[in-house]
């Protein structure tokens, strides 16, 4: 089963200065939320927490953000350490991303 993305067009950017993936409306007018991370010594990204602005909550934006971030991490050949409970639950629902979890 593939994760269903938000019907609202969005843009995700990795903000390396702030160590997070950020989600915006497609026109870049509205900041929707972010997925914070910390890079571990092994190079894996420790996904720490997913925050969605209250006015966008419960509309699939967290799932969209995590999906887009994991797809980007996979494309870069990276791995993750899922500390965020939302990401942990996501990985249970969508096991096709389990290969991204770091062995360390």
PDB file of N, CA and C in Angstrom:
ATOM      1  N   UNK A   1       0.844  -1.182   0.000  1.00  0.00           N
ATOM      2  CA  UNK A   1       0.000   0.000   0.000  1.00  0.00           C
ATOM      3  C   UNK A   1       0.892   1.248   0.000  1.00  0.00           C
ATOM      4  N   UNK A   2       0.604   2.134  -0.923  1.00  0.00           N
ATOM      5  CA  UNK A   2       1.363   3.384  -1.018  1.00  0.00           C
ATOM      6  C   UNK A   2       0.711   4.450  -0.135  1.00  0.00           C
ATOM      7  N   UNK A   3       1.529   5.304   0.494  1.00  0.00           N
ATOM      8  CA  UNK A   3       0.963   6.382   1.307  1.00  0.00           C
ATOM      9  C   UNK A   3       0.196   7.371   0.432  1.00  0.00           C
ATOM     10  N   UNK A   4      -0.970   7.767   0.884  1.00  0.00           N
ATOM     11  CA  UNK A   4      -1.776   8.750   0.153  1.00  0.00           C
ATOM     12  C   UNK A   4      -1.283  10.145   0.513  1.00  0.00           C
ATOM     13  N   UNK A   5      -0.918  10.907  -0.497  1.00  0.00           N
ATOM     14  CA  UNK A   5      -0.421  12.254  -0.269  1.00  0.00           C
ATOM     15  C   UNK A   5      -1.574  13.248  -0.240  1.00  0.00           C
ATOM     16  N   UNK A   6      -1.312  14.387   0.338  1.00  0.00           N
ATOM     17  CA  UNK A   6      -2.311  15.444   0.415  1.00  0.00           C
ATOM     18  C   UNK A   6      -2.762  15.851  -0.979  1.00  0.00           C
ATOM     19  N   UNK A   7      -4.040  16.110  -1.132  1.00  0.00           N
ATOM     20  CA  UNK A   7      -4.571  16.559  -2.417  1.00  0.00           C
ATOM     21  C   UNK A   7      -4.143  17.997  -2.718  1.00  0.00           C
ATOM     22  N   UNK A   8      -3.765  18.721  -1.680  1.00  0.00           N
ATOM     23  CA  UNK A   8      -3.312  20.100  -1.843  1.00  0.00           C
ATOM     24  C   UNK A   8      -1.877  20.096  -2.362  1.00  0.00           C
ATOM     25  N   UNK A   9      -1.599  20.791  -3.450  1.00  0.00           N
ATOM     26  CA  UNK A   9      -0.226  20.835  -3.966  1.00  0.00           C
ATOM     27  C   UNK A   9       0.731  21.484  -2.955  1.00  0.00           C
ATOM     28  N   UNK A  10       1.873  20.859  -2.754  1.00  0.00           N
ATOM     29  CA  UNK A  10       2.853  21.338  -1.784  1.00  0.00           C
ATOM     30  C   UNK A  10       4.260  21.275  -2.383  1.00  0.00           C
ATOM     31  N   UNK A  11       5.173  21.936  -1.693  1.00  0.00           N
ATOM     32  CA  UNK A  11       6.591  21.910  -2.018  1.00  0.00           C
ATOM     33  C   UNK A  11       7.344  21.559  -0.743  1.00  0.00           C
ATOM     34  N   UNK A  12       8.287  20.609  -0.845  1.00  0.00           N
ATOM     35  CA  UNK A  12       9.132  20.283   0.304  1.00  0.00           C
ATOM     36  C   UNK A  12      10.556  20.708  -0.018  1.00  0.00           C
ATOM     37  N   UNK A  13      11.203  21.323   0.967  1.00  0.00           N
ATOM     38  CA  UNK A  13      12.607  21.708   0.819  1.00  0.00           C
ATOM     39  C   UNK A  13      13.377  21.241   2.041  1.00  0.00           C
ATOM     40  N   UNK A  14      14.613  20.845   1.809  1.00  0.00           N
ATOM     41  CA  UNK A  14      15.484  20.485   2.931  1.00  0.00           C
ATOM     42  C   UNK A  14      16.259  21.731   3.333  1.00  0.00           C
ATOM     43  N   UNK A  15      16.043  22.174   4.550  1.00  0.00           N
ATOM     44  CA  UNK A  15      16.725  23.346   5.078  1.00  0.00           C
ATOM     45  C   UNK A  15      17.902  22.832   5.910  1.00  0.00           C
ATOM     46  N   UNK A  16      19.058  22.732   5.284  1.00  0.00           N
ATOM     47  CA  UNK A  16      20.239  22.173   5.954  1.00  0.00           C
ATOM     48  C   UNK A  16      20.751  23.086   7.057  1.00  0.00           C
ATOM     49  N   UNK A  17      20.500  24.378   6.965  1.00  0.00           N
ATOM     50  CA  UNK A  17      20.929  25.312   8.014  1.00  0.00           C
ATOM     51  C   UNK A  17      20.155  25.089   9.312  1.00  0.00           C
ATOM     52  N   UNK A  18      18.921  24.623   9.188  1.00  0.00           N
ATOM     53  CA  UNK A  18      18.077  24.411  10.378  1.00  0.00           C
ATOM     54  C   UNK A  18      17.850  22.927  10.671  1.00  0.00           C
ATOM     55  N   UNK A  19      18.508  22.047   9.905  1.00  0.00           N
ATOM     56  CA  UNK A  19      18.399  20.589  10.096  1.00  0.00           C
ATOM     57  C   UNK A  19      16.944  20.126  10.082  1.00  0.00           C
ATOM     58  N   UNK A  20      16.265  20.446   8.999  1.00  0.00           N
ATOM     59  CA  UNK A  20      14.879  19.998   8.893  1.00  0.00           C
ATOM     60  C   UNK A  20      14.408  20.017   7.446  1.00  0.00           C
ATOM     61  N   UNK A  21      13.390  19.197   7.201  1.00  0.00           N
ATOM     62  CA  UNK A  21      12.656  19.204   5.949  1.00  0.00           C
ATOM     63  C   UNK A  21      11.446  20.088   6.186  1.00  0.00           C
ATOM     64  N   UNK A  22      11.171  21.017   5.267  1.00  0.00           N
ATOM     65  CA  UNK A  22      10.084  21.970   5.453  1.00  0.00           C
ATOM     66  C   UNK A  22       9.051  21.808   4.348  1.00  0.00           C
ATOM     67  N   UNK A  23       7.793  21.939   4.717  1.00  0.00           N
ATOM     68  CA  UNK A  23       6.692  21.798   3.776  1.00  0.00           C
ATOM     69  C   UNK A  23       5.977  23.135   3.635  1.00  0.00           C
ATOM     70  N   UNK A  24       5.747  23.534   2.378  1.00  0.00           N
ATOM     71  CA  UNK A  24       5.082  24.798   2.063  1.00  0.00           C
ATOM     72  C   UNK A  24       3.952  24.527   1.080  1.00  0.00           C
ATOM     73  N   UNK A  25       2.996  25.442   1.019  1.00  0.00           N
ATOM     74  CA  UNK A  25       2.003  25.366  -0.050  1.00  0.00           C
ATOM     75  C   UNK A  25       2.758  25.520  -1.366  1.00  0.00           C
ATOM     76  N   UNK A  26       2.202  25.004  -2.441  1.00  0.00           N
ATOM     77  CA  UNK A  26       2.899  24.993  -3.726  1.00  0.00           C
ATOM     78  C   UNK A  26       3.302  26.387  -4.193  1.00  0.00           C
ATOM     79  N   UNK A  27       2.543  27.397  -3.808  1.00  0.00           N
ATOM     80  CA  UNK A  27       2.872  28.772  -4.203  1.00  0.00           C
ATOM     81  C   UNK A  27       3.854  29.433  -3.233  1.00  0.00           C
ATOM     82  N   UNK A  28       4.336  28.653  -2.245  1.00  0.00           N
ATOM     83  CA  UNK A  28       5.285  29.127  -1.229  1.00  0.00           C
ATOM     84  C   UNK A  28       4.726  30.246  -0.347  1.00  0.00           C
ATOM     85  N   UNK A  29       3.427  30.420  -0.358  1.00  0.00           N
ATOM     86  CA  UNK A  29       2.817  31.466   0.457  1.00  0.00           C
ATOM     87  C   UNK A  29       2.665  31.036   1.914  1.00  0.00           C
ATOM     88  N   UNK A  30       2.460  29.738   2.142  1.00  0.00           N
ATOM     89  CA  UNK A  30       2.156  29.281   3.502  1.00  0.00           C
ATOM     90  C   UNK A  30       3.141  28.212   3.950  1.00  0.00           C
ATOM     91  N   UNK A  31       3.685  28.397   5.144  1.00  0.00           N
ATOM     92  CA  UNK A  31       4.521  27.388   5.788  1.00  0.00           C
ATOM     93  C   UNK A  31       3.581  26.394   6.473  1.00  0.00           C
ATOM     94  N   UNK A  32       3.708  25.117   6.134  1.00  0.00           N
ATOM     95  CA  UNK A  32       2.799  24.095   6.663  1.00  0.00           C
ATOM     96  C   UNK A  32       3.399  23.375   7.859  1.00  0.00           C
ATOM     97  N   UNK A  33       4.673  23.025   7.789  1.00  0.00           N
ATOM     98  CA  UNK A  33       5.291  22.325   8.905  1.00  0.00           C
ATOM     99  C   UNK A  33       6.683  21.840   8.562  1.00  0.00           C
ATOM    100  N   UNK A  34       7.266  21.044   9.494  1.00  0.00           N
ATOM    101  CA  UNK A  34       8.617  20.562   9.285  1.00  0.00           C
ATOM    102  C   UNK A  34       8.849  19.218   9.968  1.00  0.00           C
ATOM    103  N   UNK A  35       9.883  18.537   9.500  1.00  0.00           N
ATOM    104  CA  UNK A  35      10.381  17.297  10.091  1.00  0.00           C
ATOM    105  C   UNK A  35      11.833  17.567  10.461  1.00  0.00           C
ATOM    106  N   UNK A  36      12.096  17.650  11.775  1.00  0.00           N
ATOM    107  CA  UNK A  36      13.441  17.966  12.256  1.00  0.00           C
ATOM    108  C   UNK A  36      14.287  16.710  12.327  1.00  0.00           C
ATOM    109  N   UNK A  37      15.585  16.890  12.093  1.00  0.00           N
ATOM    110  CA  UNK A  37      16.502  15.761  12.160  1.00  0.00           C
ATOM    111  C   UNK A  37      17.837  16.202  12.757  1.00  0.00           C
ATOM    112  N   UNK A  38      18.642  15.206  13.110  1.00  0.00           N
ATOM    113  CA  UNK A  38      20.018  15.421  13.544  1.00  0.00           C
ATOM    114  C   UNK A  38      20.845  14.370  12.835  1.00  0.00           C
ATOM    115  N   UNK A  39      21.965  14.764  12.265  1.00  0.00           N
ATOM    116  CA  UNK A  39      22.823  13.785  11.604  1.00  0.00           C
ATOM    117  C   UNK A  39      23.690  13.107  12.654  1.00  0.00           C
ATOM    118  N   UNK A  40      23.663  11.771  12.667  1.00  0.00           N
ATOM    119  CA  UNK A  40      24.436  10.999  13.635  1.00  0.00           C
ATOM    120  C   UNK A  40      25.878  10.849  13.158  1.00  0.00           C
ATOM    121  N   UNK A  41      26.725  10.352  14.026  1.00  0.00           N
ATOM    122  CA  UNK A  41      28.126  10.129  13.664  1.00  0.00           C
ATOM    123  C   UNK A  41      28.259   9.161  12.495  1.00  0.00           C
ATOM    124  N   UNK A  42      27.326   8.210  12.400  1.00  0.00           N
ATOM    125  CA  UNK A  42      27.378   7.231  11.301  1.00  0.00           C
ATOM    126  C   UNK A  42      26.865   7.813   9.982  1.00  0.00           C
ATOM    127  N   UNK A  43      26.307   9.028  10.032  1.00  0.00           N
ATOM    128  CA  UNK A  43      25.781   9.665   8.832  1.00  0.00           C
ATOM    129  C   UNK A  43      24.282   9.506   8.651  1.00  0.00           C
ATOM    130  N   UNK A  44      23.651   8.674   9.476  1.00  0.00           N
ATOM    131  CA  UNK A  44      22.197   8.505   9.405  1.00  0.00           C
ATOM    132  C   UNK A  44      21.509   9.778   9.895  1.00  0.00           C
ATOM    133  N   UNK A  45      20.289   9.985   9.431  1.00  0.00           N
ATOM    134  CA  UNK A  45      19.497  11.121   9.918  1.00  0.00           C
ATOM    135  C   UNK A  45      18.573  10.629  11.022  1.00  0.00           C
ATOM    136  N   UNK A  46      18.761  11.149  12.216  1.00  0.00           N
ATOM    137  CA  UNK A  46      17.873  10.839  13.331  1.00  0.00           C
ATOM    138  C   UNK A  46      16.665  11.755  13.195  1.00  0.00           C
ATOM    139  N   UNK A  47      15.532  11.178  12.796  1.00  0.00           N
ATOM    140  CA  UNK A  47      14.308  11.963  12.606  1.00  0.00           C
ATOM    141  C   UNK A  47      13.687  12.191  13.971  1.00  0.00           C
ATOM    142  N   UNK A  48      13.671  13.453  14.416  1.00  0.00           N
ATOM    143  CA  UNK A  48      13.344  13.771  15.799  1.00  0.00           C
ATOM    144  C   UNK A  48      11.879  14.101  16.049  1.00  0.00           C
ATOM    145  N   UNK A  49      11.284  14.945  15.243  1.00  0.00           N
ATOM    146  CA  UNK A  49       9.874  15.254  15.438  1.00  0.00           C
ATOM    147  C   UNK A  49       9.266  15.877  14.192  1.00  0.00           C
ATOM    148  N   UNK A  50       7.984  15.609  14.027  1.00  0.00           N
ATOM    149  CA  UNK A  50       7.205  16.142  12.907  1.00  0.00           C
ATOM    150  C   UNK A  50       6.215  17.144  13.484  1.00  0.00           C
ATOM    151  N   UNK A  51       6.272  18.367  12.984  1.00  0.00           N
ATOM    152  CA  UNK A  51       5.400  19.442  13.471  1.00  0.00           C
ATOM    153  C   UNK A  51       4.628  20.019  12.288  1.00  0.00           C
ATOM    154  N   UNK A  52       3.320  20.018  12.387  1.00  0.00           N
ATOM    155  CA  UNK A  52       2.448  20.613  11.374  1.00  0.00           C
ATOM    156  C   UNK A  52       1.677  21.748  12.036  1.00  0.00           C
ATOM    157  N   UNK A  53       1.649  22.911  11.371  1.00  0.00           N
ATOM    158  CA  UNK A  53       0.900  24.054  11.907  1.00  0.00           C
ATOM    159  C   UNK A  53      -0.549  23.656  12.154  1.00  0.00           C
ATOM    160  N   UNK A  54      -1.110  24.166  13.227  1.00  0.00           N
ATOM    161  CA  UNK A  54      -2.447  23.766  13.653  1.00  0.00           C
ATOM    162  C   UNK A  54      -3.496  23.914  12.557  1.00  0.00           C
ATOM    163  N   UNK A  55      -3.415  24.982  11.767  1.00  0.00           N
ATOM    164  CA  UNK A  55      -4.429  25.193  10.736  1.00  0.00           C
ATOM    165  C   UNK A  55      -4.350  24.163   9.601  1.00  0.00           C
ATOM    166  N   UNK A  56      -3.276  23.371   9.564  1.00  0.00           N
ATOM    167  CA  UNK A  56      -3.119  22.337   8.535  1.00  0.00           C
ATOM    168  C   UNK A  56      -3.197  20.916   9.110  1.00  0.00           C
ATOM    169  N   UNK A  57      -3.483  20.810  10.393  1.00  0.00           N
ATOM    170  CA  UNK A  57      -3.474  19.485  11.021  1.00  0.00           C
ATOM    171  C   UNK A  57      -4.651  18.624  10.551  1.00  0.00           C
ATOM    172  N   UNK A  58      -4.451  17.321  10.624  1.00  0.00           N
ATOM    173  CA  UNK A  58      -5.463  16.313  10.318  1.00  0.00           C
ATOM    174  C   UNK A  58      -5.941  16.360   8.867  1.00  0.00           C
ATOM    175  N   UNK A  59      -5.033  16.773   7.970  1.00  0.00           N
ATOM    176  CA  UNK A  59      -5.394  16.848   6.549  1.00  0.00           C
ATOM    177  C   UNK A  59      -4.389  16.103   5.671  1.00  0.00           C
ATOM    178  N   UNK A  60      -3.554  15.266   6.280  1.00  0.00           N
ATOM    179  CA  UNK A  60      -2.614  14.450   5.517  1.00  0.00           C
ATOM    180  C   UNK A  60      -1.272  15.093   5.236  1.00  0.00           C
ATOM    181  N   UNK A  61      -1.036  16.277   5.803  1.00  0.00           N
ATOM    182  CA  UNK A  61       0.219  16.952   5.522  1.00  0.00           C
ATOM    183  C   UNK A  61       1.416  16.291   6.208  1.00  0.00           C
ATOM    184  N   UNK A  62       1.237  15.749   7.403  1.00  0.00           N
ATOM    185  CA  UNK A  62       2.348  15.054   8.067  1.00  0.00           C
ATOM    186  C   UNK A  62       2.761  13.834   7.249  1.00  0.00           C
ATOM    187  N   UNK A  63       1.795  13.068   6.792  1.00  0.00           N
ATOM    188  CA  UNK A  63       2.086  11.892   5.964  1.00  0.00           C
ATOM    189  C   UNK A  63       2.786  12.309   4.673  1.00  0.00           C
ATOM    190  N   UNK A  64       2.312  13.392   4.069  1.00  0.00           N
ATOM    191  CA  UNK A  64       2.931  13.882   2.843  1.00  0.00           C
ATOM    192  C   UNK A  64       4.373  14.306   3.097  1.00  0.00           C
ATOM    193  N   UNK A  65       4.598  15.060   4.163  1.00  0.00           N
ATOM    194  CA  UNK A  65       5.942  15.525   4.505  1.00  0.00           C
ATOM    195  C   UNK A  65       6.890  14.354   4.749  1.00  0.00           C
ATOM    196  N   UNK A  66       6.472  13.393   5.552  1.00  0.00           N
ATOM    197  CA  UNK A  66       7.333  12.249   5.852  1.00  0.00           C
ATOM    198  C   UNK A  66       7.604  11.437   4.586  1.00  0.00           C
ATOM    199  N   UNK A  67       6.598  11.232   3.765  1.00  0.00           N
ATOM    200  CA  UNK A  67       6.794  10.486   2.514  1.00  0.00           C
ATOM    201  C   UNK A  67       7.813  11.174   1.618  1.00  0.00           C
ATOM    202  N   UNK A  68       7.649  12.477   1.416  1.00  0.00           N
ATOM    203  CA  UNK A  68       8.569  13.217   0.559  1.00  0.00           C
ATOM    204  C   UNK A  68       9.990  13.213   1.125  1.00  0.00           C
ATOM    205  N   UNK A  69      10.106  13.380   2.444  1.00  0.00           N
ATOM    206  CA  UNK A  69      11.431  13.368   3.078  1.00  0.00           C
ATOM    207  C   UNK A  69      12.088  11.996   2.936  1.00  0.00           C
ATOM    208  N   UNK A  70      11.337  10.923   3.197  1.00  0.00           N
ATOM    209  CA  UNK A  70      11.911   9.586   3.067  1.00  0.00           C
ATOM    210  C   UNK A  70      12.297   9.278   1.629  1.00  0.00           C
ATOM    211  N   UNK A  71      11.499   9.737   0.679  1.00  0.00           N
ATOM    212  CA  UNK A  71      11.848   9.538  -0.731  1.00  0.00           C
ATOM    213  C   UNK A  71      13.156  10.256  -1.074  1.00  0.00           C
ATOM    214  N   UNK A  72      13.333  11.455  -0.539  1.00  0.00           N
ATOM    215  CA  UNK A  72      14.572  12.201  -0.798  1.00  0.00           C
ATOM    216  C   UNK A  72      15.765  11.512  -0.133  1.00  0.00           C
ATOM    217  N   UNK A  73      15.585  11.063   1.100  1.00  0.00           N
ATOM    218  CA  UNK A  73      16.660  10.354   1.805  1.00  0.00           C
ATOM    219  C   UNK A  73      17.048   9.101   1.034  1.00  0.00           C
ATOM    220  N   UNK A  74      16.062   8.360   0.562  1.00  0.00           N
ATOM    221  CA  UNK A  74      16.328   7.153  -0.229  1.00  0.00           C
ATOM    222  C   UNK A  74      17.090   7.497  -1.507  1.00  0.00           C
ATOM    223  N   UNK A  75      16.659   8.537  -2.202  1.00  0.00           N
ATOM    224  CA  UNK A  75      17.310   8.936  -3.452  1.00  0.00           C
ATOM    225  C   UNK A  75      18.774   9.318  -3.232  1.00  0.00           C
ATOM    226  N   UNK A  76      19.077   9.837  -2.048  1.00  0.00           N
ATOM    227  CA  UNK A  76      20.454  10.225  -1.716  1.00  0.00           C
ATOM    228  C   UNK A  76      21.259   9.056  -1.152  1.00  0.00           C
ATOM    229  N   UNK A  77      20.623   7.897  -0.985  1.00  0.00           N
ATOM    230  CA  UNK A  77      21.320   6.735  -0.434  1.00  0.00           C
ATOM    231  C   UNK A  77      21.498   6.794   1.069  1.00  0.00           C
ATOM    232  N   UNK A  78      20.673   7.586   1.745  1.00  0.00           N
ATOM    233  CA  UNK A  78      20.803   7.773   3.187  1.00  0.00           C
ATOM    234  C   UNK A  78      20.038   6.745   4.001  1.00  0.00           C
ATOM    235  N   UNK A  79      20.236   6.815   5.314  1.00  0.00           N
ATOM    236  CA  UNK A  79      19.511   5.978   6.266  1.00  0.00           C
ATOM    237  C   UNK A  79      18.956   6.858   7.377  1.00  0.00           C
ATOM    238  N   UNK A  80      18.036   6.291   8.155  1.00  0.00           N
ATOM    239  CA  UNK A  80      17.375   7.052   9.218  1.00  0.00           C
ATOM    240  C   UNK A  80      17.415   6.303  10.546  1.00  0.00           C
ATOM    241  N   UNK A  81      17.264   7.069  11.608  1.00  0.00           N
ATOM    242  CA  UNK A  81      17.011   6.547  12.949  1.00  0.00           C
ATOM    243  C   UNK A  81      15.696   7.203  13.369  1.00  0.00           C
ATOM    244  N   UNK A  82      14.586   6.456  13.376  1.00  0.00           N
ATOM    245  CA  UNK A  82      13.278   7.064  13.648  1.00  0.00           C
ATOM    246  C   UNK A  82      13.022   7.274  15.142  1.00  0.00           C
ATOM    247  N   UNK A  83      13.276   8.475  15.643  1.00  0.00           N
ATOM    248  CA  UNK A  83      12.983   8.825  17.037  1.00  0.00           C
ATOM    249  C   UNK A  83      11.573   9.390  17.193  1.00  0.00           C
ATOM    250  N   UNK A  84      11.093  10.051  16.163  1.00  0.00           N
ATOM    251  CA  UNK A  84       9.764  10.663  16.165  1.00  0.00           C
ATOM    252  C   UNK A  84       8.692   9.578  16.187  1.00  0.00           C
ATOM    253  N   UNK A  85       7.733   9.688  17.096  1.00  0.00           N
ATOM    254  CA  UNK A  85       6.686   8.667  17.182  1.00  0.00           C
ATOM    255  C   UNK A  85       5.823   8.641  15.918  1.00  0.00           C
ATOM    256  N   UNK A  86       5.635   9.798  15.285  1.00  0.00           N
ATOM    257  CA  UNK A  86       4.864   9.797  14.038  1.00  0.00           C
ATOM    258  C   UNK A  86       5.597   8.982  12.982  1.00  0.00           C
ATOM    259  N   UNK A  87       6.893   9.171  12.850  1.00  0.00           N
ATOM    260  CA  UNK A  87       7.677   8.420  11.862  1.00  0.00           C
ATOM    261  C   UNK A  87       7.674   6.931  12.212  1.00  0.00           C
ATOM    262  N   UNK A  88       7.776   6.597  13.480  1.00  0.00           N
ATOM    263  CA  UNK A  88       7.730   5.193  13.894  1.00  0.00           C
ATOM    264  C   UNK A  88       6.405   4.550  13.476  1.00  0.00           C
ATOM    265  N   UNK A  89       5.298   5.230  13.730  1.00  0.00           N
ATOM    266  CA  UNK A  89       3.978   4.724  13.326  1.00  0.00           C
ATOM    267  C   UNK A  89       3.880   4.633  11.802  1.00  0.00           C
ATOM    268  N   UNK A  90       4.422   5.617  11.114  1.00  0.00           N
ATOM    269  CA  UNK A  90       4.418   5.642   9.648  1.00  0.00           C
ATOM    270  C   UNK A  90       5.122   4.396   9.110  1.00  0.00           C
ATOM    271  N   UNK A  91       6.283   4.071   9.665  1.00  0.00           N
ATOM    272  CA  UNK A  91       7.059   2.913   9.207  1.00  0.00           C
ATOM    273  C   UNK A  91       6.311   1.602   9.434  1.00  0.00           C
ATOM    274  N   UNK A  92       5.498   1.545  10.478  1.00  0.00           N
ATOM    275  CA  UNK A  92       4.673   0.351  10.706  1.00  0.00           C
ATOM    276  C   UNK A  92       3.586   0.245   9.638  1.00  0.00           C
ATOM    277  N   UNK A  93       3.006   1.362   9.259  1.00  0.00           N
ATOM    278  CA  UNK A  93       1.939   1.372   8.254  1.00  0.00           C
ATOM    279  C   UNK A  93       2.461   1.185   6.839  1.00  0.00           C
ATOM    280  N   UNK A  94       3.692   1.632   6.592  1.00  0.00           N
ATOM    281  CA  UNK A  94       4.275   1.579   5.249  1.00  0.00           C
ATOM    282  C   UNK A  94       5.647   0.910   5.312  1.00  0.00           C
ATOM    283  N   UNK A  95       5.647  -0.415   5.443  1.00  0.00           N
ATOM    284  CA  UNK A  95       6.913  -1.143   5.636  1.00  0.00           C
ATOM    285  C   UNK A  95       7.868  -1.070   4.446  1.00  0.00           C
ATOM    286  N   UNK A  96       7.414  -0.559   3.324  1.00  0.00           N
ATOM    287  CA  UNK A  96       8.314  -0.443   2.167  1.00  0.00           C
ATOM    288  C   UNK A  96       9.438   0.570   2.416  1.00  0.00           C
ATOM    289  N   UNK A  97       9.339   1.327   3.515  1.00  0.00           N
ATOM    290  CA  UNK A  97      10.398   2.261   3.867  1.00  0.00           C
ATOM    291  C   UNK A  97      11.317   1.716   4.966  1.00  0.00           C
ATOM    292  N   UNK A  98      11.067   0.508   5.417  1.00  0.00           N
ATOM    293  CA  UNK A  98      11.848  -0.078   6.523  1.00  0.00           C
ATOM    294  C   UNK A  98      13.326  -0.229   6.170  1.00  0.00           C
ATOM    295  N   UNK A  99      13.638  -0.367   4.888  1.00  0.00           N
ATOM    296  CA  UNK A  99      15.026  -0.522   4.480  1.00  0.00           C
ATOM    297  C   UNK A  99      15.861   0.725   4.750  1.00  0.00           C
ATOM    298  N   UNK A 100      15.212   1.852   5.021  1.00  0.00           N
ATOM    299  CA  UNK A 100      15.937   3.079   5.317  1.00  0.00           C
ATOM    300  C   UNK A 100      16.430   3.144   6.748  1.00  0.00           C
ATOM    301  N   UNK A 101      15.891   2.298   7.626  1.00  0.00           N
ATOM    302  CA  UNK A 101      16.261   2.350   9.038  1.00  0.00           C
ATOM    303  C   UNK A 101      17.693   1.846   9.201  1.00  0.00           C
ATOM    304  N   UNK A 102      18.497   2.661   9.848  1.00  0.00           N
ATOM    305  CA  UNK A 102      19.916   2.328  10.057  1.00  0.00           C
ATOM    306  C   UNK A 102      20.052   1.124  10.968  1.00  0.00           C
ATOM    307  N   UNK A 103      21.006   0.285  10.657  1.00  0.00           N
ATOM    308  CA  UNK A 103      21.263  -0.912  11.476  1.00  0.00           C
ATOM    309  C   UNK A 103      21.888  -0.531  12.812  1.00  0.00           C
ATOM    310  N   UNK A 104      22.455   0.663  12.909  1.00  0.00           N
ATOM    311  CA  UNK A 104      23.110   1.105  14.153  1.00  0.00           C
ATOM    312  C   UNK A 104      22.154   1.880  15.014  1.00  0.00           C
TER     313      UNK A 104
END
